Protein backbone atom coordinates (compact mmCIF):
# COMPACT_ATOMS: atom_id res chain seq x y z
CA MET A 1 79.21 128.29 38.11
CA GLU A 2 75.92 127.04 36.72
CA GLN A 3 73.94 125.13 39.33
CA THR A 4 72.08 121.93 38.54
CA ILE A 5 68.56 121.48 39.92
CA LEU A 6 66.18 118.52 39.85
CA VAL A 7 62.46 119.16 40.29
CA THR A 8 60.16 116.16 40.71
CA GLY A 9 56.53 116.24 39.64
CA SER A 10 57.19 118.73 36.84
CA THR A 11 54.21 117.82 34.67
CA SER A 12 51.99 120.61 35.97
CA GLY A 13 51.27 122.92 38.90
CA PHE A 14 54.09 124.07 41.17
CA GLY A 15 56.55 121.72 39.50
CA ARG A 16 55.89 123.06 36.02
CA LEU A 17 56.06 126.68 37.19
CA THR A 18 59.26 125.98 39.10
CA VAL A 19 61.20 124.41 36.23
CA GLU A 20 60.19 127.17 33.82
CA THR A 21 61.09 129.93 36.27
CA LEU A 22 64.44 128.45 37.29
CA ALA A 23 65.46 127.72 33.69
CA ARG A 24 64.67 131.30 32.72
CA GLN A 25 66.86 132.46 35.61
CA GLY A 26 69.82 130.66 34.06
CA TYR A 27 69.94 127.44 36.05
CA ARG A 28 70.47 124.01 34.52
CA VAL A 29 67.16 122.33 35.30
CA PHE A 30 66.05 118.72 35.06
CA ALA A 31 62.27 118.40 34.95
CA GLY A 32 61.44 115.06 36.52
CA MET A 33 58.28 113.29 35.47
CA ARG A 34 57.01 109.77 34.99
CA ALA A 35 55.46 108.39 31.80
CA ALA A 36 57.12 111.10 29.70
CA ALA A 37 56.47 108.98 26.61
CA GLY A 38 53.01 107.96 27.80
CA LYS A 39 50.22 109.89 29.47
CA ASN A 40 52.52 112.85 30.21
CA ALA A 41 53.87 113.05 26.66
CA PRO A 42 52.02 116.34 25.89
CA ALA A 43 53.57 118.04 28.94
CA ALA A 44 56.99 116.66 28.05
CA GLU A 45 56.73 117.95 24.50
CA GLU A 46 55.66 121.39 25.71
CA LEU A 47 58.75 121.63 27.92
CA ARG A 48 61.03 120.48 25.10
CA ALA A 49 59.52 123.09 22.80
CA LEU A 50 59.94 125.79 25.46
CA ALA A 51 63.59 124.88 25.98
CA GLN A 52 64.28 125.03 22.26
CA ARG A 53 62.31 128.21 21.67
CA GLU A 54 63.93 130.16 24.51
CA GLN A 55 67.31 128.39 24.41
CA LEU A 56 67.00 127.21 28.00
CA ALA A 57 69.10 124.63 29.85
CA LEU A 58 65.92 122.71 30.58
CA HIS A 59 66.05 118.93 30.27
CA LEU A 60 63.59 116.12 30.90
CA VAL A 61 64.38 113.12 33.05
CA GLU A 62 62.14 110.10 33.49
CA ILE A 63 61.63 109.42 37.18
CA ASP A 64 58.98 107.55 39.13
CA VAL A 65 59.55 108.66 42.71
CA THR A 66 57.76 105.58 44.06
CA ASP A 67 60.24 103.19 42.42
CA ASP A 68 63.77 102.59 43.72
CA ALA A 69 65.29 101.61 40.37
CA SER A 70 63.73 104.56 38.54
CA VAL A 71 65.04 107.05 41.10
CA GLU A 72 68.53 105.57 41.12
CA GLN A 73 68.67 105.56 37.33
CA ALA A 74 67.48 109.18 37.06
CA ILE A 75 69.97 110.50 39.63
CA LYS A 76 72.80 108.54 38.01
CA ALA A 77 71.90 110.00 34.60
CA ILE A 78 71.84 113.57 35.91
CA ILE A 79 75.17 113.28 37.72
CA GLY A 80 76.72 111.55 34.72
CA ALA A 81 75.67 114.40 32.45
CA THR A 82 76.60 117.29 34.76
CA ASP A 83 79.15 115.96 37.28
CA GLY A 84 77.01 117.28 40.12
CA LEU A 85 73.61 118.01 41.59
CA ASP A 86 73.14 121.13 43.69
CA VAL A 87 69.44 121.30 44.51
CA VAL A 88 66.59 118.83 44.67
CA VAL A 89 63.03 120.14 44.81
CA ASN A 90 60.78 117.35 46.11
CA ASN A 91 57.53 118.50 44.61
CA ALA A 92 55.81 115.29 43.46
CA GLY A 93 52.70 114.54 45.48
CA VAL A 94 49.06 113.52 45.48
CA SER A 95 46.11 114.51 47.64
CA TYR A 96 43.42 112.37 49.24
CA SER A 97 40.37 113.86 50.91
CA GLY A 98 37.58 112.55 53.10
CA PRO A 99 36.86 111.50 56.69
CA LEU A 100 39.85 109.68 58.17
CA GLU A 101 37.82 106.66 59.24
CA ALA A 102 36.65 106.11 55.67
CA PHE A 103 40.12 105.54 54.22
CA THR A 104 41.29 102.00 53.63
CA LEU A 105 44.78 101.10 54.82
CA GLU A 106 45.75 100.66 51.19
CA GLN A 107 44.79 104.28 50.49
CA VAL A 108 46.78 105.43 53.52
CA GLN A 109 49.82 103.54 52.29
CA GLN A 110 49.45 105.00 48.79
CA GLN A 111 49.24 108.55 50.14
CA PHE A 112 52.36 108.13 52.27
CA ALA A 113 54.20 106.25 49.52
CA THR A 114 54.04 109.24 47.20
CA ASN A 115 54.19 112.16 49.61
CA VAL A 116 56.64 110.90 52.24
CA PHE A 117 58.49 107.71 51.30
CA SER A 118 59.34 109.12 47.86
CA VAL A 119 61.04 112.12 49.45
CA LEU A 120 63.18 109.83 51.59
CA ARG A 121 63.94 107.75 48.49
CA VAL A 122 65.03 110.69 46.33
CA ASN A 123 67.04 112.36 49.09
CA ARG A 124 68.81 109.10 49.90
CA ALA A 125 69.82 108.78 46.25
CA VAL A 126 71.21 112.32 45.95
CA LEU A 127 72.94 112.72 49.31
CA PRO A 128 76.09 110.74 48.45
CA GLN A 129 76.82 113.23 45.65
CA MET A 130 76.03 116.23 47.86
CA ARG A 131 78.34 114.90 50.59
CA LYS A 132 81.06 114.48 47.98
CA GLN A 133 80.55 118.09 46.86
CA GLY A 134 80.32 119.41 50.41
CA SER A 135 77.21 121.37 49.45
CA GLY A 136 73.59 121.02 48.41
CA LEU A 137 70.00 121.85 49.19
CA LEU A 138 67.06 119.53 49.80
CA LEU A 139 63.89 121.53 49.29
CA GLN A 140 60.55 119.95 50.18
CA ILE A 141 57.23 121.35 48.98
CA GLY A 142 54.99 121.23 52.01
CA SER A 143 51.63 122.83 52.63
CA ILE A 144 49.73 124.94 55.11
CA THR A 145 48.05 121.63 55.99
CA GLY A 146 51.40 120.58 57.42
CA ARG A 147 51.13 123.35 59.99
CA LEU A 148 47.37 123.56 60.58
CA ALA A 149 44.95 120.62 60.58
CA PHE A 150 41.82 120.77 58.42
CA PRO A 151 38.84 118.41 58.46
CA PHE A 152 38.70 115.94 55.56
CA LEU A 153 42.32 116.71 54.62
CA GLY A 154 43.70 114.85 57.62
CA LEU A 155 45.46 112.12 55.65
CA TYR A 156 47.06 114.57 53.22
CA GLY A 157 47.95 116.85 56.13
CA ALA A 158 49.56 113.97 58.02
CA THR A 159 52.00 113.47 55.13
CA LYS A 160 52.87 117.16 55.16
CA PHE A 161 53.32 117.18 58.94
CA ALA A 162 55.69 114.25 58.42
CA LEU A 163 57.71 116.26 55.90
CA GLU A 164 58.04 119.07 58.43
CA GLY A 165 59.67 116.73 60.94
CA LEU A 166 61.87 115.05 58.36
CA THR A 167 63.10 118.36 56.98
CA GLU A 168 64.02 119.73 60.41
CA SER A 169 65.97 116.54 61.14
CA TYR A 170 67.70 116.65 57.75
CA ARG A 171 68.78 120.20 58.47
CA TYR A 172 70.33 119.36 61.84
CA GLU A 173 72.01 116.20 60.55
CA LEU A 174 73.38 117.65 57.30
CA ALA A 175 74.40 121.18 58.31
CA PRO A 176 77.91 120.07 59.41
CA LEU A 177 78.40 118.66 55.90
CA GLY A 178 77.51 121.92 54.16
CA ILE A 179 74.10 120.63 53.05
CA ASP A 180 70.90 122.50 53.84
CA ALA A 181 67.25 121.41 53.98
CA ALA A 182 64.20 123.64 53.84
CA MET A 183 60.42 123.67 53.35
CA ILE A 184 58.08 125.76 51.25
CA GLU A 185 54.58 125.83 52.72
CA PRO A 186 52.10 127.12 50.12
CA GLY A 187 48.48 127.92 50.84
CA THR A 188 45.63 127.37 48.42
CA TYR A 189 46.69 127.69 44.78
CA PRO A 190 44.96 126.57 41.57
CA THR A 191 47.08 123.55 40.67
CA THR A 192 45.93 120.22 39.28
CA ILE A 193 46.45 118.48 42.63
CA SER A 194 42.91 119.47 43.59
CA ALA A 195 41.46 118.39 40.26
CA ASN A 196 43.24 115.04 40.59
CA ARG A 197 42.39 114.56 44.26
CA GLN A 198 41.32 111.07 45.26
CA THR A 199 38.54 110.60 47.77
CA ALA A 200 38.04 108.21 50.65
CA SER A 201 35.81 105.20 50.32
CA VAL A 202 33.06 107.13 52.12
CA LEU A 203 30.89 104.93 54.30
CA PRO A 204 27.17 105.75 54.64
CA SER A 205 27.71 106.23 58.38
CA THR A 206 30.27 109.01 57.76
CA ARG A 207 28.01 111.27 55.68
CA PRO A 208 26.28 112.90 58.68
CA LEU A 209 29.73 113.24 60.29
CA SER A 210 30.98 115.10 57.22
CA ARG A 211 28.17 117.64 57.36
CA ARG A 212 28.44 118.26 61.11
CA SER A 213 32.24 118.43 61.10
CA GLY A 214 32.23 120.88 58.22
CA GLN A 215 29.74 123.14 59.97
CA HIS A 216 31.69 122.96 63.25
CA PHE A 217 34.98 123.80 61.52
CA MET A 218 33.49 126.82 59.75
CA GLN A 219 32.07 128.08 63.04
CA ARG A 220 35.52 127.86 64.62
CA ILE A 221 37.09 129.67 61.65
CA ASP A 222 34.46 132.39 61.96
CA LEU A 223 35.45 132.93 65.60
CA LEU A 224 39.05 133.52 64.52
CA ARG A 225 38.19 136.19 61.96
CA PRO A 226 39.24 139.71 63.02
CA ARG A 227 36.38 141.95 64.09
CA SER A 228 36.00 145.67 63.63
CA PRO A 229 36.16 147.84 66.77
CA GLY A 230 32.40 148.29 66.52
CA GLY A 231 31.86 144.54 66.72
CA GLY A 232 30.72 144.23 63.09
């Protein structure tokens, strides 16, 4: 039976690669993106052209993961068209970088709104259908920064650490219902998340901190590098 998969944040990067790969493997894939008729129209058109050219079961769905009504509408449309939803890949995310003390509370809220609260929002919308089916998979795209802290990526890393805890809890809670939850923890990869990274409102007093912290971190990394038997 053909499985139905929703991937959020499908405009570019991991999301774009995921929808193309899964569709080519024969899955029915819904590429979730916001502003499909606006700023993301070129990406949307490319996916439509790909689906037509290769005869793929690849569909677009408008979804803003930070908006309750948009998420509910998207999930309802998918289930209405397919009578089910087997896998959700929570890929949508943004990255902020800079010294933690330089972030405004508004920036902190924005980072968590997209990377954490949106995952809870999407999963909450799909779980009633998965419980009805007695099966499903919630797949979160994490990061190595969710397992290892890095200077100046502390805010982004905090959201990924949060996803680690949420995913483990989902797995324990949902396993008796036949629903699984898992994480993918990529390392560095050339996606647009770095190009689109937002920076902290750096205060003049944090600039010396940035230099010293960076040097200290690199010294610690150097100590962890494997050495040859000769000490070289």
